[in-house]
C-alpha atoms as a PDB file:
ATOM      1  CA  MET A   1      63.707  26.008  59.696  1.00  0.00           C
ATOM      2  CA  GLN A   2      60.523  24.618  61.195  1.00  0.00           C
ATOM      3  CA  TYR A   3      60.197  20.837  60.997  1.00  0.00           C
ATOM      4  CA  ASP A   4      56.559  19.761  60.898  1.00  0.00           C
ATOM      5  CA  THR A   5      57.289  16.060  60.317  1.00  0.00           C
ATOM      6  CA  PRO A   6      59.287  13.515  62.335  1.00  0.00           C
ATOM      7  CA  ILE A   7      63.034  13.276  61.652  1.00  0.00           C
ATOM      8  CA  ASN A   8      64.725   9.896  61.301  1.00  0.00           C
ATOM      9  CA  ALA A   9      67.997   9.555  63.204  1.00  0.00           C
ATOM     10  CA  ASN A  10      70.558   6.922  64.199  1.00  0.00           C
ATOM     11  CA  ASP A  11      73.617   6.552  66.419  1.00  0.00           C
ATOM     12  CA  ALA A  12      75.746   8.676  64.079  1.00  0.00           C
ATOM     13  CA  SER A  13      73.341  11.627  64.198  1.00  0.00           C
ATOM     14  CA  PHE A  14      71.927  11.207  67.723  1.00  0.00           C
ATOM     15  CA  GLU A  15      74.174  13.746  69.448  1.00  0.00           C
ATOM     16  CA  ARG A  16      73.670  16.358  66.744  1.00  0.00           C
ATOM     17  CA  VAL A  17      69.908  16.121  66.289  1.00  0.00           C
ATOM     18  CA  VAL A  18      68.915  15.283  69.875  1.00  0.00           C
ATOM     19  CA  LEU A  19      71.513  16.416  72.401  1.00  0.00           C
ATOM     20  CA  ARG A  20      72.625  19.542  70.526  1.00  0.00           C
ATOM     21  CA  SER A  21      69.221  20.561  69.279  1.00  0.00           C
ATOM     22  CA  PRO A  22      68.303  24.188  70.017  1.00  0.00           C
ATOM     23  CA  LEU A  23      64.723  23.006  70.500  1.00  0.00           C
ATOM     24  CA  PRO A  24      63.351  20.495  73.019  1.00  0.00           C
ATOM     25  CA  THR A  25      63.220  17.052  71.457  1.00  0.00           C
ATOM     26  CA  VAL A  26      61.108  13.927  71.714  1.00  0.00           C
ATOM     27  CA  ALA A  27      63.291  10.925  70.856  1.00  0.00           C
ATOM     28  CA  VAL A  28      61.100   7.950  70.005  1.00  0.00           C
ATOM     29  CA  PHE A  29      62.777   4.538  70.095  1.00  0.00           C
ATOM     30  CA  TRP A  30      60.865   1.906  68.144  1.00  0.00           C
ATOM     31  CA  SER A  31      61.194  -1.372  66.273  1.00  0.00           C
ATOM     32  CA  ALA A  32      59.344  -2.626  63.237  1.00  0.00           C
ATOM     33  CA  GLN A  33      59.078  -6.022  64.929  1.00  0.00           C
ATOM     34  CA  GLU A  34      57.474  -4.664  68.111  1.00  0.00           C
ATOM     35  CA  THR A  35      55.670  -1.461  67.134  1.00  0.00           C
ATOM     36  CA  PRO A  36      52.605  -0.883  64.912  1.00  0.00           C
ATOM     37  CA  ARG A  37      54.326   1.318  62.307  1.00  0.00           C
ATOM     38  CA  GLN A  38      51.296   3.148  60.892  1.00  0.00           C
ATOM     39  CA  GLN A  39      49.780   3.846  64.300  1.00  0.00           C
ATOM     40  CA  LEU A  40      53.077   5.267  65.569  1.00  0.00           C
ATOM     41  CA  ASN A  41      53.568   7.356  62.430  1.00  0.00           C
ATOM     42  CA  ASP A  42      50.092   8.851  62.751  1.00  0.00           C
ATOM     43  CA  VAL A  43      50.773   9.953  66.328  1.00  0.00           C
ATOM     44  CA  LEU A  44      54.186  11.401  65.522  1.00  0.00           C
ATOM     45  CA  GLU A  45      53.049  13.177  62.352  1.00  0.00           C
ATOM     46  CA  LYS A  46      50.197  14.850  64.203  1.00  0.00           C
ATOM     47  CA  THR A  47      52.464  15.841  67.116  1.00  0.00           C
ATOM     48  CA  ALA A  48      55.250  17.177  64.892  1.00  0.00           C
ATOM     49  CA  HIS A  49      52.760  19.255  62.891  1.00  0.00           C
ATOM     50  CA  GLN A  50      51.071  20.651  65.992  1.00  0.00           C
ATOM     51  CA  TYR A  51      54.348  21.649  67.675  1.00  0.00           C
ATOM     52  CA  ALA A  52      56.324  22.709  64.592  1.00  0.00           C
ATOM     53  CA  GLY A  53      58.900  25.323  65.573  1.00  0.00           C
ATOM     54  CA  GLU A  54      58.644  24.420  69.255  1.00  0.00           C
ATOM     55  CA  VAL A  55      59.638  20.759  69.470  1.00  0.00           C
ATOM     56  CA  LEU A  56      61.545  18.320  67.274  1.00  0.00           C
ATOM     57  CA  VAL A  57      60.169  14.791  66.977  1.00  0.00           C
ATOM     58  CA  ILE A  58      62.973  12.298  66.353  1.00  0.00           C
ATOM     59  CA  LYS A  59      62.429   8.653  65.326  1.00  0.00           C
ATOM     60  CA  LEU A  60      65.102   6.086  66.172  1.00  0.00           C
ATOM     61  CA  ASP A  61      64.768   2.535  64.908  1.00  0.00           C
ATOM     62  CA  VAL A  62      66.643   0.559  67.583  1.00  0.00           C
ATOM     63  CA  ALA A  63      68.355  -1.461  64.848  1.00  0.00           C
ATOM     64  CA  ASP A  64      70.056   1.790  63.766  1.00  0.00           C
ATOM     65  CA  ALA A  65      70.641   3.201  67.246  1.00  0.00           C
ATOM     66  CA  PRO A  66      71.902   0.397  69.538  1.00  0.00           C
ATOM     67  CA  GLN A  67      74.376   2.679  71.326  1.00  0.00           C
ATOM     68  CA  ALA A  68      71.793   5.339  72.153  1.00  0.00           C
ATOM     69  CA  ARG A  69      69.400   2.602  73.226  1.00  0.00           C
ATOM     70  CA  SER A  70      71.975   1.158  75.614  1.00  0.00           C
ATOM     71  CA  GLN A  71      73.141   4.546  76.883  1.00  0.00           C
ATOM     72  CA  TYR A  72      69.631   5.509  77.981  1.00  0.00           C
ATOM     73  CA  GLY A  73      68.470   2.076  79.126  1.00  0.00           C
ATOM     74  CA  VAL A  74      65.717   1.710  76.550  1.00  0.00           C
ATOM     75  CA  GLU A  75      64.186  -1.769  76.715  1.00  0.00           C
ATOM     76  CA  ALA A  76      60.397  -1.787  76.347  1.00  0.00           C
ATOM     77  CA  LEU A  77      59.316  -0.405  72.962  1.00  0.00           C
ATOM     78  CA  PRO A  78      58.149   2.011  71.822  1.00  0.00           C
ATOM     79  CA  GLN A  79      59.685   4.410  74.316  1.00  0.00           C
ATOM     80  CA  PHE A  80      59.564   8.203  74.329  1.00  0.00           C
ATOM     81  CA  LEU A  81      62.502  10.146  75.787  1.00  0.00           C
ATOM     82  CA  PHE A  82      62.054  13.887  76.335  1.00  0.00           C
ATOM     83  CA  PHE A  83      65.160  16.098  76.124  1.00  0.00           C
ATOM     84  CA  ARG A  84      65.572  19.749  77.007  1.00  0.00           C
ATOM     85  CA  GLN A  85      68.936  21.394  76.213  1.00  0.00           C
ATOM     86  CA  GLY A  86      70.537  17.975  75.943  1.00  0.00           C
ATOM     87  CA  ASP A  87      69.258  16.720  79.292  1.00  0.00           C
ATOM     88  CA  LEU A  88      66.809  13.833  79.657  1.00  0.00           C
ATOM     89  CA  VAL A  89      63.896  15.213  81.667  1.00  0.00           C
ATOM     90  CA  ALA A  90      61.268  12.470  81.319  1.00  0.00           C
ATOM     91  CA  ARG A  91      60.392   9.227  79.606  1.00  0.00           C
ATOM     92  CA  ALA A  92      57.216   7.363  78.789  1.00  0.00           C
ATOM     93  CA  ARG A  93      56.649   3.818  77.563  1.00  0.00           C
ATOM     94  CA  GLY A  94      53.998   2.396  75.306  1.00  0.00           C
ATOM     95  CA  LEU A  95      52.143   3.718  72.277  1.00  0.00           C
ATOM     96  CA  PRO A  96      49.988   6.723  73.184  1.00  0.00           C
ATOM     97  CA  THR A  97      47.503   8.662  71.135  1.00  0.00           C
ATOM     98  CA  ALA A  98      48.407  12.225  70.158  1.00  0.00           C
ATOM     99  CA  GLU A  99      46.091  13.447  72.904  1.00  0.00           C
ATOM    100  CA  MET A 100      47.850  11.297  75.509  1.00  0.00           C
ATOM    101  CA  LEU A 101      51.241  12.563  74.326  1.00  0.00           C
ATOM    102  CA  ARG A 102      50.248  16.227  74.520  1.00  0.00           C
ATOM    103  CA  PRO A 103      50.680  16.634  78.352  1.00  0.00           C
ATOM    104  CA  TRP A 104      54.240  15.278  78.036  1.00  0.00           C
ATOM    105  CA  ILE A 105      55.032  17.838  75.330  1.00  0.00           C
ATOM    106  CA  GLU A 106      53.559  20.617  77.446  1.00  0.00           C
ATOM    107  CA  TYR A 107      55.750  19.503  80.348  1.00  0.00           C
ATOM    108  CA  LEU A 108      58.778  19.437  78.045  1.00  0.00           C
ATOM    109  CA  LEU A 109      57.984  23.033  77.043  1.00  0.00           C
ATOM    110  CA  GLU A 110      57.617  23.951  80.745  1.00  0.00           C
ATOM    111  CA  ARG A 111      53.965  24.840  80.271  1.00  0.00           C
ATOM    112  CA  GLY A 112      52.473  22.122  82.420  1.00  0.00           C
ATOM    113  CA  PRO A 113      53.139  19.662  85.261  1.00  0.00           C
ATOM    114  CA  LYS A 114      54.914  16.384  84.698  1.00  0.00           C
ATOM    115  CA  PRO A 115      52.346  13.680  83.896  1.00  0.00           C
ATOM    116  CA  ILE A 116      52.184  10.644  86.144  1.00  0.00           C
ATOM    117  CA  SER A 117      53.647   7.680  84.298  1.00  0.00           C
ATOM    118  CA  LYS A 118      51.749   4.414  84.570  1.00  0.00           C
ATOM    119  CA  LYS A 119      55.130   2.701  84.510  1.00  0.00           C
ATOM    120  CA  SER A 120      56.495   4.512  87.527  1.00  0.00           C
ATOM    121  CA  SER A 121      56.067   1.464  89.754  1.00  0.00           C
ATOM    122  CA  ARG A 122      58.223  -0.596  87.389  1.00  0.00           C
ATOM    123  CA  GLU A 123      60.886   2.116  87.339  1.00  0.00           C
ATOM    124  CA  ASP A 124      60.934   2.094  91.130  1.00  0.00           C
ATOM    125  CA  THR A 125      61.470  -1.655  91.299  1.00  0.00           C
ATOM    126  CA  THR A 126      64.270  -1.468  88.741  1.00  0.00           C
ATOM    127  CA  THR A 127      66.498   0.296  91.227  1.00  0.00           C
ATOM    128  CA  ARG A 128      65.725  -2.330  93.848  1.00  0.00           C
ATOM    129  CA  GLY A 129      66.581  -5.285  91.649  1.00  0.00           C
ATOM    130  CA  GLY A 130      63.095  -6.201  90.491  1.00  0.00           C
ATOM    131  CA  PHE A 131      64.102  -5.826  86.847  1.00  0.00           C
ATOM    132  CA  PRO A 132      67.427  -6.077  85.013  1.00  0.00           C
ATOM    133  CA  ARG A 133      69.506  -2.925  85.296  1.00  0.00           C
ATOM    134  CA  VAL A 134      71.381  -1.509  82.312  1.00  0.00           C
ATOM    135  CA  VAL A 135      75.096  -1.111  83.072  1.00  0.00           C
ATOM    136  CA  THR A 136      77.899   0.478  81.068  1.00  0.00           C
ATOM    137  CA  ASP A 137      81.680   0.494  81.000  1.00  0.00           C
ATOM    138  CA  ALA A 138      81.549   3.607  83.186  1.00  0.00           C
ATOM    139  CA  ASP A 139      79.492   2.187  86.071  1.00  0.00           C
ATOM    140  CA  PHE A 140      80.188  -1.555  85.829  1.00  0.00           C
ATOM    141  CA  ASP A 141      82.614  -1.730  88.760  1.00  0.00           C
ATOM    142  CA  ARG A 142      80.349   0.272  91.057  1.00  0.00           C
ATOM    143  CA  VAL A 143      77.126  -1.534  90.176  1.00  0.00           C
ATOM    144  CA  VAL A 144      78.375  -5.086  89.688  1.00  0.00           C
ATOM    145  CA  LEU A 145      81.664  -5.595  91.502  1.00  0.00           C
ATOM    146  CA  GLU A 146      80.668  -3.601  94.584  1.00  0.00           C
ATOM    147  CA  ALA A 147      77.227  -5.187  94.886  1.00  0.00           C
ATOM    148  CA  SER A 148      76.341  -6.746  98.236  1.00  0.00           C
ATOM    149  CA  VAL A 149      74.417  -9.590  96.563  1.00  0.00           C
ATOM    150  CA  PRO A 150      75.259 -11.991  93.724  1.00  0.00           C
ATOM    151  CA  VAL A 151      74.965 -10.461  90.262  1.00  0.00           C
ATOM    152  CA  LEU A 152      74.059 -12.024  86.927  1.00  0.00           C
ATOM    153  CA  VAL A 153      75.225  -9.921  83.973  1.00  0.00           C
ATOM    154  CA  ASP A 154      73.668 -10.561  80.569  1.00  0.00           C
ATOM    155  CA  PHE A 155      76.117  -9.528  77.829  1.00  0.00           C
ATOM    156  CA  TRP A 156      73.927  -8.939  74.776  1.00  0.00           C
ATOM    157  CA  ALA A 157      73.411  -6.898  71.583  1.00  0.00           C
ATOM    158  CA  ALA A 158      70.321  -5.579  69.836  1.00  0.00           C
ATOM    159  CA  TRP A 159      70.980  -7.612  66.665  1.00  0.00           C
ATOM    160  CA  CYS A 160      71.342 -10.931  68.535  1.00  0.00           C
ATOM    161  CA  GLY A 161      68.385 -13.295  68.115  1.00  0.00           C
ATOM    162  CA  PRO A 162      69.223 -15.640  71.036  1.00  0.00           C
ATOM    163  CA  CYS A 163      69.606 -12.540  73.234  1.00  0.00           C
ATOM    164  CA  ARG A 164      65.966 -11.669  72.568  1.00  0.00           C
ATOM    165  CA  ILE A 165      64.952 -15.241  73.363  1.00  0.00           C
ATOM    166  CA  ILE A 166      66.601 -15.183  76.776  1.00  0.00           C
ATOM    167  CA  ALA A 167      65.530 -11.625  77.726  1.00  0.00           C
ATOM    168  CA  PRO A 168      62.117 -12.634  79.197  1.00  0.00           C
ATOM    169  CA  ILE A 169      63.795 -15.422  81.182  1.00  0.00           C
ATOM    170  CA  ILE A 170      66.186 -12.891  82.703  1.00  0.00           C
ATOM    171  CA  GLU A 171      63.276 -10.605  83.594  1.00  0.00           C
ATOM    172  CA  GLU A 172      61.359 -13.477  85.160  1.00  0.00           C
ATOM    173  CA  LEU A 173      64.332 -14.482  87.307  1.00  0.00           C
ATOM    174  CA  ALA A 174      64.951 -10.875  88.299  1.00  0.00           C
ATOM    175  CA  GLN A 175      61.473 -10.817  89.798  1.00  0.00           C
ATOM    176  CA  GLU A 176      61.939 -14.200  91.440  1.00  0.00           C
ATOM    177  CA  PHE A 177      65.266 -13.245  93.047  1.00  0.00           C
ATOM    178  CA  ARG A 178      64.293  -9.684  93.865  1.00  0.00           C
ATOM    179  CA  GLY A 179      66.197  -8.556  96.949  1.00  0.00           C
ATOM    180  CA  ARG A 180      68.478 -11.606  96.860  1.00  0.00           C
ATOM    181  CA  ALA A 181      70.360 -11.040  93.604  1.00  0.00           C
ATOM    182  CA  LEU A 182      70.952  -8.269  91.090  1.00  0.00           C
ATOM    183  CA  PHE A 183      70.448  -8.691  87.347  1.00  0.00           C
ATOM    184  CA  ALA A 184      72.215  -6.466  84.844  1.00  0.00           C
ATOM    185  CA  LYS A 185      72.329  -6.117  81.065  1.00  0.00           C
ATOM    186  CA  MET A 186      75.339  -4.860  79.119  1.00  0.00           C
ATOM    187  CA  ASP A 187      75.243  -4.046  75.412  1.00  0.00           C
ATOM    188  CA  VAL A 188      78.594  -5.323  74.093  1.00  0.00           C
ATOM    189  CA  ASP A 189      78.515  -3.022  71.065  1.00  0.00           C
ATOM    190  CA  ALA A 190      78.205   0.085  73.206  1.00  0.00           C
ATOM    191  CA  ASN A 191      80.501  -1.200  75.984  1.00  0.00           C
ATOM    192  CA  PRO A 192      83.371  -3.118  74.367  1.00  0.00           C
ATOM    193  CA  ALA A 193      85.895  -2.522  77.174  1.00  0.00           C
ATOM    194  CA  THR A 194      84.090  -4.620  79.780  1.00  0.00           C
ATOM    195  CA  ALA A 195      83.266  -7.316  77.227  1.00  0.00           C
ATOM    196  CA  ARG A 196      86.982  -7.616  76.367  1.00  0.00           C
ATOM    197  CA  ARG A 197      87.928  -7.529  80.030  1.00  0.00           C
ATOM    198  CA  TYR A 198      85.878 -10.649  80.705  1.00  0.00           C
ATOM    199  CA  GLY A 199      86.608 -12.423  77.449  1.00  0.00           C
ATOM    200  CA  VAL A 200      83.103 -12.229  76.014  1.00  0.00           C
ATOM    201  CA  GLN A 201      83.314 -13.563  72.459  1.00  0.00           C
ATOM    202  CA  SER A 202      79.864 -15.042  71.826  1.00  0.00           C
ATOM    203  CA  ILE A 203      76.522 -13.648  72.934  1.00  0.00           C
ATOM    204  CA  PRO A 204      74.501 -14.000  74.916  1.00  0.00           C
ATOM    205  CA  THR A 205      77.137 -14.648  77.573  1.00  0.00           C
ATOM    206  CA  LEU A 206      75.842 -14.707  81.144  1.00  0.00           C
ATOM    207  CA  ILE A 207      78.471 -14.147  83.827  1.00  0.00           C
ATOM    208  CA  PHE A 208      77.813 -14.598  87.542  1.00  0.00           C
ATOM    209  CA  PHE A 209      79.605 -12.309  90.005  1.00  0.00           C
ATOM    210  CA  HIS A 210      79.888 -12.662  93.758  1.00  0.00           C
ATOM    211  CA  LYS A 211      81.814 -10.378  96.093  1.00  0.00           C
ATOM    212  CA  GLY A 212      83.529  -8.693  93.184  1.00  0.00           C
ATOM    213  CA  GLN A 213      84.747 -11.900  91.542  1.00  0.00           C
ATOM    214  CA  THR A 214      83.482 -14.008  88.656  1.00  0.00           C
ATOM    215  CA  ALA A 215      81.657 -17.090  89.924  1.00  0.00           C
ATOM    216  CA  GLY A 216      80.758 -18.818  86.679  1.00  0.00           C
ATOM    217  CA  ARG A 217      79.412 -18.236  83.195  1.00  0.00           C
ATOM    218  CA  VAL A 218      77.156 -19.783  80.588  1.00  0.00           C
ATOM    219  CA  VAL A 219      77.065 -19.049  76.876  1.00  0.00           C
ATOM    220  CA  GLY A 220      73.945 -19.114  74.752  1.00  0.00           C
ATOM    221  CA  ALA A 221      70.249 -19.051  75.566  1.00  0.00           C
ATOM    222  CA  GLN A 222      69.814 -21.190  78.668  1.00  0.00           C
ATOM    223  CA  PRO A 223      66.589 -22.393  80.316  1.00  0.00           C
ATOM    224  CA  ALA A 224      65.529 -20.757  83.559  1.00  0.00           C
ATOM    225  CA  HIS A 225      66.289 -23.777  85.756  1.00  0.00           C
ATOM    226  CA  VAL A 226      69.986 -23.738  84.746  1.00  0.00           C
ATOM    227  CA  LEU A 227      70.397 -20.102  85.763  1.00  0.00           C
ATOM    228  CA  ARG A 228      68.270 -20.546  88.874  1.00  0.00           C
ATOM    229  CA  GLN A 229      70.446 -23.397  90.098  1.00  0.00           C
ATOM    230  CA  LYS A 230      73.637 -21.394  89.689  1.00  0.00           C
ATOM    231  CA  LEU A 231      72.161 -18.403  91.498  1.00  0.00           C
ATOM    232  CA  GLU A 232      70.863 -20.474  94.375  1.00  0.00           C
ATOM    233  CA  ALA A 233      74.376 -21.843  94.874  1.00  0.00           C
ATOM    234  CA  LEU A 234      75.703 -18.297  95.387  1.00  0.00           C
ATOM    235  CA  ILE A 235      73.050 -17.079  97.836  1.00  0.00           C
END
């Protein structure tokens, strides 16, 4: 069957419609609060119609797909993830036109070179601590406990209002302490083991780690100067 319109998906159907799809897929993470709905729909409808039978266009409202969002480190919205045979091969952020999206689809179909992402500089700094890093139960010990610098872990969830309030503060501090401290974000819904391990009951909970040990915590949306003071004491 050839789908010539976007398909709505969620966490329950993500593996089936995206990772197990026989066709390359474009998984589009979006939010009604952050994304112009009609503009996005126009782009996706046009793309799905043009590439019917070649590519599946999948829409994921982040409210319905918090686990997939956390698993693939999706923060800025909308975000386009390109999958081929279940493997993530590229991603692009922002709301493009159909014409701007076309080179990414051609790359996904192995008919063209990979486009240069305007966000590549941000992705580079993420690995160096310039932006919060998404961590999971699987890599928490390696990323956080084995870090050579102090680490601030933001335990959050997509449905949490105060978590959204504090997110820009965390990003601002990550830039300020770049190279001196690491900032990480952990979705408690997708990673319950680590949240239980550290007794996280309310979110946001911000836990400071130093040399593999907890070095303090705060609960709730805190102003930047409170977090800054605690970090400075660890450096």
